[in-house]
Amino acid sequence: MKNLFAYADKYLQKSNWKDMALLKFCLFSTGILVGMQVPDKEKKRTAILAALVFTVTYIPLMTKFIRVVMEEEA
């Protein structure tokens, strides 16, 4: 598992914003495909869980992004 994280770090160091955009589109498309397979009776619970995960991950990402922008401007 440590090697996997090390490889991920190397990949990110060699990536640019275009690579990250492609990765995000890929993950987004996968999410849509998985979401299409959720039974109707579970859709509300799945939507709540997805919104929770989005919120928990989005806030730290944007906090870091804003810090980076502020550092660049300073």
PDB file of N, CA and C in Angstrom:
ATOM      1  N   MET A   1       0.820  -1.186   0.000  1.00  0.00           N
ATOM      2  CA  MET A   1       0.000   0.000   0.000  1.00  0.00           C
ATOM      3  C   MET A   1       0.867   1.254   0.000  1.00  0.00           C
ATOM      4  N   LYS A   2       1.988   1.219   0.730  1.00  0.00           N
ATOM      5  CA  LYS A   2       2.887   2.387   0.739  1.00  0.00           C
ATOM      6  C   LYS A   2       3.381   2.692  -0.666  1.00  0.00           C
ATOM      7  N   ASN A   3       3.687   1.647  -1.433  1.00  0.00           N
ATOM      8  CA  ASN A   3       4.154   1.863  -2.809  1.00  0.00           C
ATOM      9  C   ASN A   3       3.075   2.520  -3.657  1.00  0.00           C
ATOM     10  N   LEU A   4       1.832   2.141  -3.433  1.00  0.00           N
ATOM     11  CA  LEU A   4       0.742   2.727  -4.197  1.00  0.00           C
ATOM     12  C   LEU A   4       0.656   4.225  -3.943  1.00  0.00           C
ATOM     13  N   PHE A   5       0.769   4.636  -2.692  1.00  0.00           N
ATOM     14  CA  PHE A   5       0.731   6.061  -2.369  1.00  0.00           C
ATOM     15  C   PHE A   5       1.963   6.784  -2.910  1.00  0.00           C
ATOM     16  N   ALA A   6       3.098   6.140  -2.887  1.00  0.00           N
ATOM     17  CA  ALA A   6       4.313   6.747  -3.443  1.00  0.00           C
ATOM     18  C   ALA A   6       4.168   6.947  -4.950  1.00  0.00           C
ATOM     19  N   TYR A   7       3.599   5.955  -5.627  1.00  0.00           N
ATOM     20  CA  TYR A   7       3.367   6.090  -7.065  1.00  0.00           C
ATOM     21  C   TYR A   7       2.367   7.207  -7.349  1.00  0.00           C
ATOM     22  N   ALA A   8       1.341   7.300  -6.512  1.00  0.00           N
ATOM     23  CA  ALA A   8       0.353   8.368  -6.684  1.00  0.00           C
ATOM     24  C   ALA A   8       1.006   9.738  -6.515  1.00  0.00           C
ATOM     25  N   ASP A   9       1.892   9.876  -5.523  1.00  0.00           N
ATOM     26  CA  ASP A   9       2.598  11.138  -5.322  1.00  0.00           C
ATOM     27  C   ASP A   9       3.451  11.491  -6.535  1.00  0.00           C
ATOM     28  N   LYS A  10       4.165  10.507  -7.077  1.00  0.00           N
ATOM     29  CA  LYS A  10       4.990  10.754  -8.260  1.00  0.00           C
ATOM     30  C   LYS A  10       4.120  11.153  -9.446  1.00  0.00           C
ATOM     31  N   TYR A  11       2.994  10.473  -9.600  1.00  0.00           N
ATOM     32  CA  TYR A  11       2.083  10.798 -10.697  1.00  0.00           C
ATOM     33  C   TYR A  11       1.598  12.240 -10.580  1.00  0.00           C
ATOM     34  N   LEU A  12       1.215  12.637  -9.389  1.00  0.00           N
ATOM     35  CA  LEU A  12       0.723  14.005  -9.184  1.00  0.00           C
ATOM     36  C   LEU A  12       1.804  15.047  -9.428  1.00  0.00           C
ATOM     37  N   GLN A  13       3.041  14.736  -9.059  1.00  0.00           N
ATOM     38  CA  GLN A  13       4.136  15.669  -9.293  1.00  0.00           C
ATOM     39  C   GLN A  13       4.375  15.882 -10.779  1.00  0.00           C
ATOM     40  N   LYS A  14       4.127  14.845 -11.575  1.00  0.00           N
ATOM     41  CA  LYS A  14       4.372  14.946 -13.012  1.00  0.00           C
ATOM     42  C   LYS A  14       3.119  15.347 -13.796  1.00  0.00           C
ATOM     43  N   SER A  15       2.018  15.584 -13.084  1.00  0.00           N
ATOM     44  CA  SER A  15       0.757  15.926 -13.740  1.00  0.00           C
ATOM     45  C   SER A  15       0.564  17.434 -13.801  1.00  0.00           C
ATOM     46  N   ASN A  16      -0.230  17.854 -14.768  1.00  0.00           N
ATOM     47  CA  ASN A  16      -0.630  19.254 -14.838  1.00  0.00           C
ATOM     48  C   ASN A  16      -2.141  19.333 -14.649  1.00  0.00           C
ATOM     49  N   TRP A  17      -2.697  20.515 -14.788  1.00  0.00           N
ATOM     50  CA  TRP A  17      -4.118  20.687 -14.538  1.00  0.00           C
ATOM     51  C   TRP A  17      -4.968  19.912 -15.531  1.00  0.00           C
ATOM     52  N   LYS A  18      -4.459  19.710 -16.737  1.00  0.00           N
ATOM     53  CA  LYS A  18      -5.221  18.967 -17.740  1.00  0.00           C
ATOM     54  C   LYS A  18      -5.358  17.494 -17.347  1.00  0.00           C
ATOM     55  N   ASP A  19      -4.277  16.936 -16.821  1.00  0.00           N
ATOM     56  CA  ASP A  19      -4.328  15.550 -16.356  1.00  0.00           C
ATOM     57  C   ASP A  19      -5.334  15.400 -15.211  1.00  0.00           C
ATOM     58  N   MET A  20      -5.336  16.359 -14.311  1.00  0.00           N
ATOM     59  CA  MET A  20      -6.254  16.300 -13.174  1.00  0.00           C
ATOM     60  C   MET A  20      -7.702  16.478 -13.640  1.00  0.00           C
ATOM     61  N   ALA A  21      -7.921  17.319 -14.633  1.00  0.00           N
ATOM     62  CA  ALA A  21      -9.273  17.493 -15.172  1.00  0.00           C
ATOM     63  C   ALA A  21      -9.765  16.189 -15.798  1.00  0.00           C
ATOM     64  N   LEU A  22      -8.895  15.512 -16.546  1.00  0.00           N
ATOM     65  CA  LEU A  22      -9.273  14.233 -17.138  1.00  0.00           C
ATOM     66  C   LEU A  22      -9.604  13.203 -16.062  1.00  0.00           C
ATOM     67  N   LEU A  23      -8.820  13.176 -15.003  1.00  0.00           N
ATOM     68  CA  LEU A  23      -9.071  12.259 -13.897  1.00  0.00           C
ATOM     69  C   LEU A  23     -10.428  12.543 -13.260  1.00  0.00           C
ATOM     70  N   LYS A  24     -10.727  13.804 -13.061  1.00  0.00           N
ATOM     71  CA  LYS A  24     -12.014  14.172 -12.449  1.00  0.00           C
ATOM     72  C   LYS A  24     -13.190  13.809 -13.358  1.00  0.00           C
ATOM     73  N   PHE A  25     -13.063  14.031 -14.668  1.00  0.00           N
ATOM     74  CA  PHE A  25     -14.125  13.632 -15.583  1.00  0.00           C
ATOM     75  C   PHE A  25     -14.314  12.119 -15.579  1.00  0.00           C
ATOM     76  N   CYS A  26     -13.214  11.393 -15.507  1.00  0.00           N
ATOM     77  CA  CYS A  26     -13.281   9.934 -15.459  1.00  0.00           C
ATOM     78  C   CYS A  26     -14.030   9.481 -14.202  1.00  0.00           C
ATOM     79  N   LEU A  27     -13.670  10.042 -13.052  1.00  0.00           N
ATOM     80  CA  LEU A  27     -14.336   9.671 -11.807  1.00  0.00           C
ATOM     81  C   LEU A  27     -15.805  10.097 -11.810  1.00  0.00           C
ATOM     82  N   PHE A  28     -16.087  11.259 -12.370  1.00  0.00           N
ATOM     83  CA  PHE A  28     -17.460  11.728 -12.469  1.00  0.00           C
ATOM     84  C   PHE A  28     -18.300  10.767 -13.310  1.00  0.00           C
ATOM     85  N   SER A  29     -17.762  10.351 -14.444  1.00  0.00           N
ATOM     86  CA  SER A  29     -18.471   9.420 -15.324  1.00  0.00           C
ATOM     87  C   SER A  29     -18.700   8.080 -14.630  1.00  0.00           C
ATOM     88  N   THR A  30     -17.720   7.608 -13.903  1.00  0.00           N
ATOM     89  CA  THR A  30     -17.870   6.371 -13.149  1.00  0.00           C
ATOM     90  C   THR A  30     -18.977   6.517 -12.114  1.00  0.00           C
ATOM     91  N   GLY A  31     -19.020   7.649 -11.448  1.00  0.00           N
ATOM     92  CA  GLY A  31     -20.060   7.904 -10.463  1.00  0.00           C
ATOM     93  C   GLY A  31     -21.449   7.885 -11.077  1.00  0.00           C
ATOM     94  N   ILE A  32     -21.582   8.457 -12.256  1.00  0.00           N
ATOM     95  CA  ILE A  32     -22.876   8.445 -12.941  1.00  0.00           C
ATOM     96  C   ILE A  32     -23.273   7.012 -13.291  1.00  0.00           C
ATOM     97  N   LEU A  33     -22.332   6.239 -13.810  1.00  0.00           N
ATOM     98  CA  LEU A  33     -22.631   4.855 -14.167  1.00  0.00           C
ATOM     99  C   LEU A  33     -23.049   4.038 -12.948  1.00  0.00           C
ATOM    100  N   VAL A  34     -22.371   4.226 -11.844  1.00  0.00           N
ATOM    101  CA  VAL A  34     -22.731   3.518 -10.609  1.00  0.00           C
ATOM    102  C   VAL A  34     -24.094   3.998 -10.125  1.00  0.00           C
ATOM    103  N   GLY A  35     -24.329   5.301 -10.182  1.00  0.00           N
ATOM    104  CA  GLY A  35     -25.594   5.854  -9.739  1.00  0.00           C
ATOM    105  C   GLY A  35     -26.780   5.343 -10.538  1.00  0.00           C
ATOM    106  N   MET A  36     -26.558   5.051 -11.789  1.00  0.00           N
ATOM    107  CA  MET A  36     -27.638   4.522 -12.614  1.00  0.00           C
ATOM    108  C   MET A  36     -28.053   3.121 -12.174  1.00  0.00           C
ATOM    109  N   GLN A  37     -27.185   2.436 -11.445  1.00  0.00           N
ATOM    110  CA  GLN A  37     -27.458   1.068 -11.016  1.00  0.00           C
ATOM    111  C   GLN A  37     -28.111   0.986  -9.639  1.00  0.00           C
ATOM    112  N   VAL A  38     -28.272   2.109  -8.962  1.00  0.00           N
ATOM    113  CA  VAL A  38     -28.863   2.122  -7.626  1.00  0.00           C
ATOM    114  C   VAL A  38     -30.375   1.920  -7.758  1.00  0.00           C
ATOM    115  N   PRO A  39     -30.934   0.970  -6.996  1.00  0.00           N
ATOM    116  CA  PRO A  39     -32.387   0.756  -7.055  1.00  0.00           C
ATOM    117  C   PRO A  39     -33.144   2.004  -6.604  1.00  0.00           C
ATOM    118  N   ASP A  40     -34.362   2.179  -7.109  1.00  0.00           N
ATOM    119  CA  ASP A  40     -35.166   3.364  -6.801  1.00  0.00           C
ATOM    120  C   ASP A  40     -35.361   3.569  -5.305  1.00  0.00           C
ATOM    121  N   LYS A  41     -35.565   2.498  -4.552  1.00  0.00           N
ATOM    122  CA  LYS A  41     -35.823   2.644  -3.118  1.00  0.00           C
ATOM    123  C   LYS A  41     -34.584   3.096  -2.346  1.00  0.00           C
ATOM    124  N   GLU A  42     -33.406   2.989  -2.938  1.00  0.00           N
ATOM    125  CA  GLU A  42     -32.162   3.393  -2.275  1.00  0.00           C
ATOM    126  C   GLU A  42     -31.611   4.720  -2.788  1.00  0.00           C
ATOM    127  N   LYS A  43     -32.249   5.331  -3.764  1.00  0.00           N
ATOM    128  CA  LYS A  43     -31.715   6.548  -4.381  1.00  0.00           C
ATOM    129  C   LYS A  43     -31.605   7.709  -3.398  1.00  0.00           C
ATOM    130  N   LYS A  44     -32.594   7.881  -2.520  1.00  0.00           N
ATOM    131  CA  LYS A  44     -32.555   9.000  -1.577  1.00  0.00           C
ATOM    132  C   LYS A  44     -31.387   8.830  -0.603  1.00  0.00           C
ATOM    133  N   ARG A  45     -31.218   7.657  -0.054  1.00  0.00           N
ATOM    134  CA  ARG A  45     -30.115   7.393   0.869  1.00  0.00           C
ATOM    135  C   ARG A  45     -28.768   7.565   0.172  1.00  0.00           C
ATOM    136  N   THR A  46     -28.674   7.108  -1.063  1.00  0.00           N
ATOM    137  CA  THR A  46     -27.438   7.239  -1.834  1.00  0.00           C
ATOM    138  C   THR A  46     -27.141   8.707  -2.119  1.00  0.00           C
ATOM    139  N   ALA A  47     -28.161   9.484  -2.444  1.00  0.00           N
ATOM    140  CA  ALA A  47     -27.972  10.915  -2.715  1.00  0.00           C
ATOM    141  C   ALA A  47     -27.496  11.645  -1.465  1.00  0.00           C
ATOM    142  N   ILE A  48     -28.052  11.317  -0.320  1.00  0.00           N
ATOM    143  CA  ILE A  48     -27.629  11.946   0.936  1.00  0.00           C
ATOM    144  C   ILE A  48     -26.170  11.603   1.230  1.00  0.00           C
ATOM    145  N   LEU A  49     -25.820  10.342   1.068  1.00  0.00           N
ATOM    146  CA  LEU A  49     -24.431   9.921   1.302  1.00  0.00           C
ATOM    147  C   LEU A  49     -23.481  10.618   0.332  1.00  0.00           C
ATOM    148  N   ALA A  50     -23.861  10.707  -0.945  1.00  0.00           N
ATOM    149  CA  ALA A  50     -23.010  11.366  -1.940  1.00  0.00           C
ATOM    150  C   ALA A  50     -22.841  12.846  -1.610  1.00  0.00           C
ATOM    151  N   ALA A  51     -23.920  13.505  -1.181  1.00  0.00           N
ATOM    152  CA  ALA A  51     -23.827  14.921  -0.811  1.00  0.00           C
ATOM    153  C   ALA A  51     -22.923  15.106   0.395  1.00  0.00           C
ATOM    154  N   LEU A  52     -23.002  14.196   1.346  1.00  0.00           N
ATOM    155  CA  LEU A  52     -22.143  14.265   2.526  1.00  0.00           C
ATOM    156  C   LEU A  52     -20.672  14.093   2.146  1.00  0.00           C
ATOM    157  N   VAL A  53     -20.376  13.091   1.320  1.00  0.00           N
ATOM    158  CA  VAL A  53     -18.997  12.863   0.885  1.00  0.00           C
ATOM    159  C   VAL A  53     -18.490  14.061   0.090  1.00  0.00           C
ATOM    160  N   PHE A  54     -19.318  14.603  -0.777  1.00  0.00           N
ATOM    161  CA  PHE A  54     -18.922  15.777  -1.554  1.00  0.00           C
ATOM    162  C   PHE A  54     -18.557  16.928  -0.625  1.00  0.00           C
ATOM    163  N   THR A  55     -19.401  17.207   0.344  1.00  0.00           N
ATOM    164  CA  THR A  55     -19.162  18.325   1.261  1.00  0.00           C
ATOM    165  C   THR A  55     -17.892  18.118   2.066  1.00  0.00           C
ATOM    166  N   VAL A  56     -17.714  16.913   2.584  1.00  0.00           N
ATOM    167  CA  VAL A  56     -16.548  16.619   3.419  1.00  0.00           C
ATOM    168  C   VAL A  56     -15.252  16.706   2.622  1.00  0.00           C
ATOM    169  N   THR A  57     -15.291  16.400   1.345  1.00  0.00           N
ATOM    170  CA  THR A  57     -14.069  16.461   0.532  1.00  0.00           C
ATOM    171  C   THR A  57     -13.868  17.820  -0.132  1.00  0.00           C
ATOM    172  N   TYR A  58     -14.963  18.499  -0.476  1.00  0.00           N
ATOM    173  CA  TYR A  58     -14.865  19.769  -1.187  1.00  0.00           C
ATOM    174  C   TYR A  58     -14.291  20.879  -0.316  1.00  0.00           C
ATOM    175  N   ILE A  59     -14.709  20.933   0.923  1.00  0.00           N
ATOM    176  CA  ILE A  59     -14.262  22.016   1.810  1.00  0.00           C
ATOM    177  C   ILE A  59     -12.739  22.014   1.988  1.00  0.00           C
ATOM    178  N   PRO A  60     -12.117  20.880   2.331  1.00  0.00           N
ATOM    179  CA  PRO A  60     -10.647  20.913   2.455  1.00  0.00           C
ATOM    180  C   PRO A  60      -9.933  21.213   1.137  1.00  0.00           C
ATOM    181  N   LEU A  61     -10.474  20.710   0.029  1.00  0.00           N
ATOM    182  CA  LEU A  61      -9.849  20.982  -1.267  1.00  0.00           C
ATOM    183  C   LEU A  61      -9.876  22.465  -1.595  1.00  0.00           C
ATOM    184  N   MET A  62     -11.008  23.099  -1.389  1.00  0.00           N
ATOM    185  CA  MET A  62     -11.120  24.528  -1.687  1.00  0.00           C
ATOM    186  C   MET A  62     -10.334  25.372  -0.687  1.00  0.00           C
ATOM    187  N   THR A  63     -10.261  24.930   0.557  1.00  0.00           N
ATOM    188  CA  THR A  63      -9.457  25.646   1.547  1.00  0.00           C
ATOM    189  C   THR A  63      -7.996  25.658   1.113  1.00  0.00           C
ATOM    190  N   LYS A  64      -7.496  24.495   0.684  1.00  0.00           N
ATOM    191  CA  LYS A  64      -6.106  24.420   0.221  1.00  0.00           C
ATOM    192  C   LYS A  64      -5.910  25.259  -1.035  1.00  0.00           C
ATOM    193  N   PHE A  65      -6.876  25.206  -1.963  1.00  0.00           N
ATOM    194  CA  PHE A  65      -6.775  25.979  -3.194  1.00  0.00           C
ATOM    195  C   PHE A  65      -6.707  27.476  -2.889  1.00  0.00           C
ATOM    196  N   ILE A  66      -7.553  27.944  -2.004  1.00  0.00           N
ATOM    197  CA  ILE A  66      -7.549  29.368  -1.651  1.00  0.00           C
ATOM    198  C   ILE A  66      -6.230  29.753  -1.001  1.00  0.00           C
ATOM    199  N   ARG A  67      -5.693  28.880  -0.132  1.00  0.00           N
ATOM    200  CA  ARG A  67      -4.384  29.153   0.480  1.00  0.00           C
ATOM    201  C   ARG A  67      -3.299  29.278  -0.588  1.00  0.00           C
ATOM    202  N   VAL A  68      -3.321  28.402  -1.568  1.00  0.00           N
ATOM    203  CA  VAL A  68      -2.313  28.434  -2.646  1.00  0.00           C
ATOM    204  C   VAL A  68      -2.450  29.727  -3.446  1.00  0.00           C
ATOM    205  N   VAL A  69      -3.668  30.136  -3.745  1.00  0.00           N
ATOM    206  CA  VAL A  69      -3.895  31.364  -4.495  1.00  0.00           C
ATOM    207  C   VAL A  69      -3.390  32.563  -3.702  1.00  0.00           C
ATOM    208  N   MET A  70      -3.677  32.584  -2.407  1.00  0.00           N
ATOM    209  CA  MET A  70      -3.241  33.690  -1.560  1.00  0.00           C
ATOM    210  C   MET A  70      -1.721  33.758  -1.463  1.00  0.00           C
ATOM    211  N   GLU A  71      -1.046  32.597  -1.417  1.00  0.00           N
ATOM    212  CA  GLU A  71       0.414  32.559  -1.374  1.00  0.00           C
ATOM    213  C   GLU A  71       0.998  33.137  -2.665  1.00  0.00           C
ATOM    214  N   GLU A  72       0.385  32.765  -3.798  1.00  0.00           N
ATOM    215  CA  GLU A  72       0.862  33.246  -5.093  1.00  0.00           C
ATOM    216  C   GLU A  72       0.724  34.755  -5.211  1.00  0.00           C
ATOM    217  N   GLU A  73      -0.342  35.321  -4.668  1.00  0.00           N
ATOM    218  CA  GLU A  73      -0.577  36.752  -4.764  1.00  0.00           C
ATOM    219  C   GLU A  73       0.293  37.543  -3.788  1.00  0.00           C
ATOM    220  N   ALA A  74       0.732  36.897  -2.726  1.00  0.00           N
ATOM    221  CA  ALA A  74       1.537  37.600  -1.711  1.00  0.00           C
ATOM    222  C   ALA A  74       2.978  37.761  -2.110  1.00  0.00           C
TER     223      ALA A  74
END
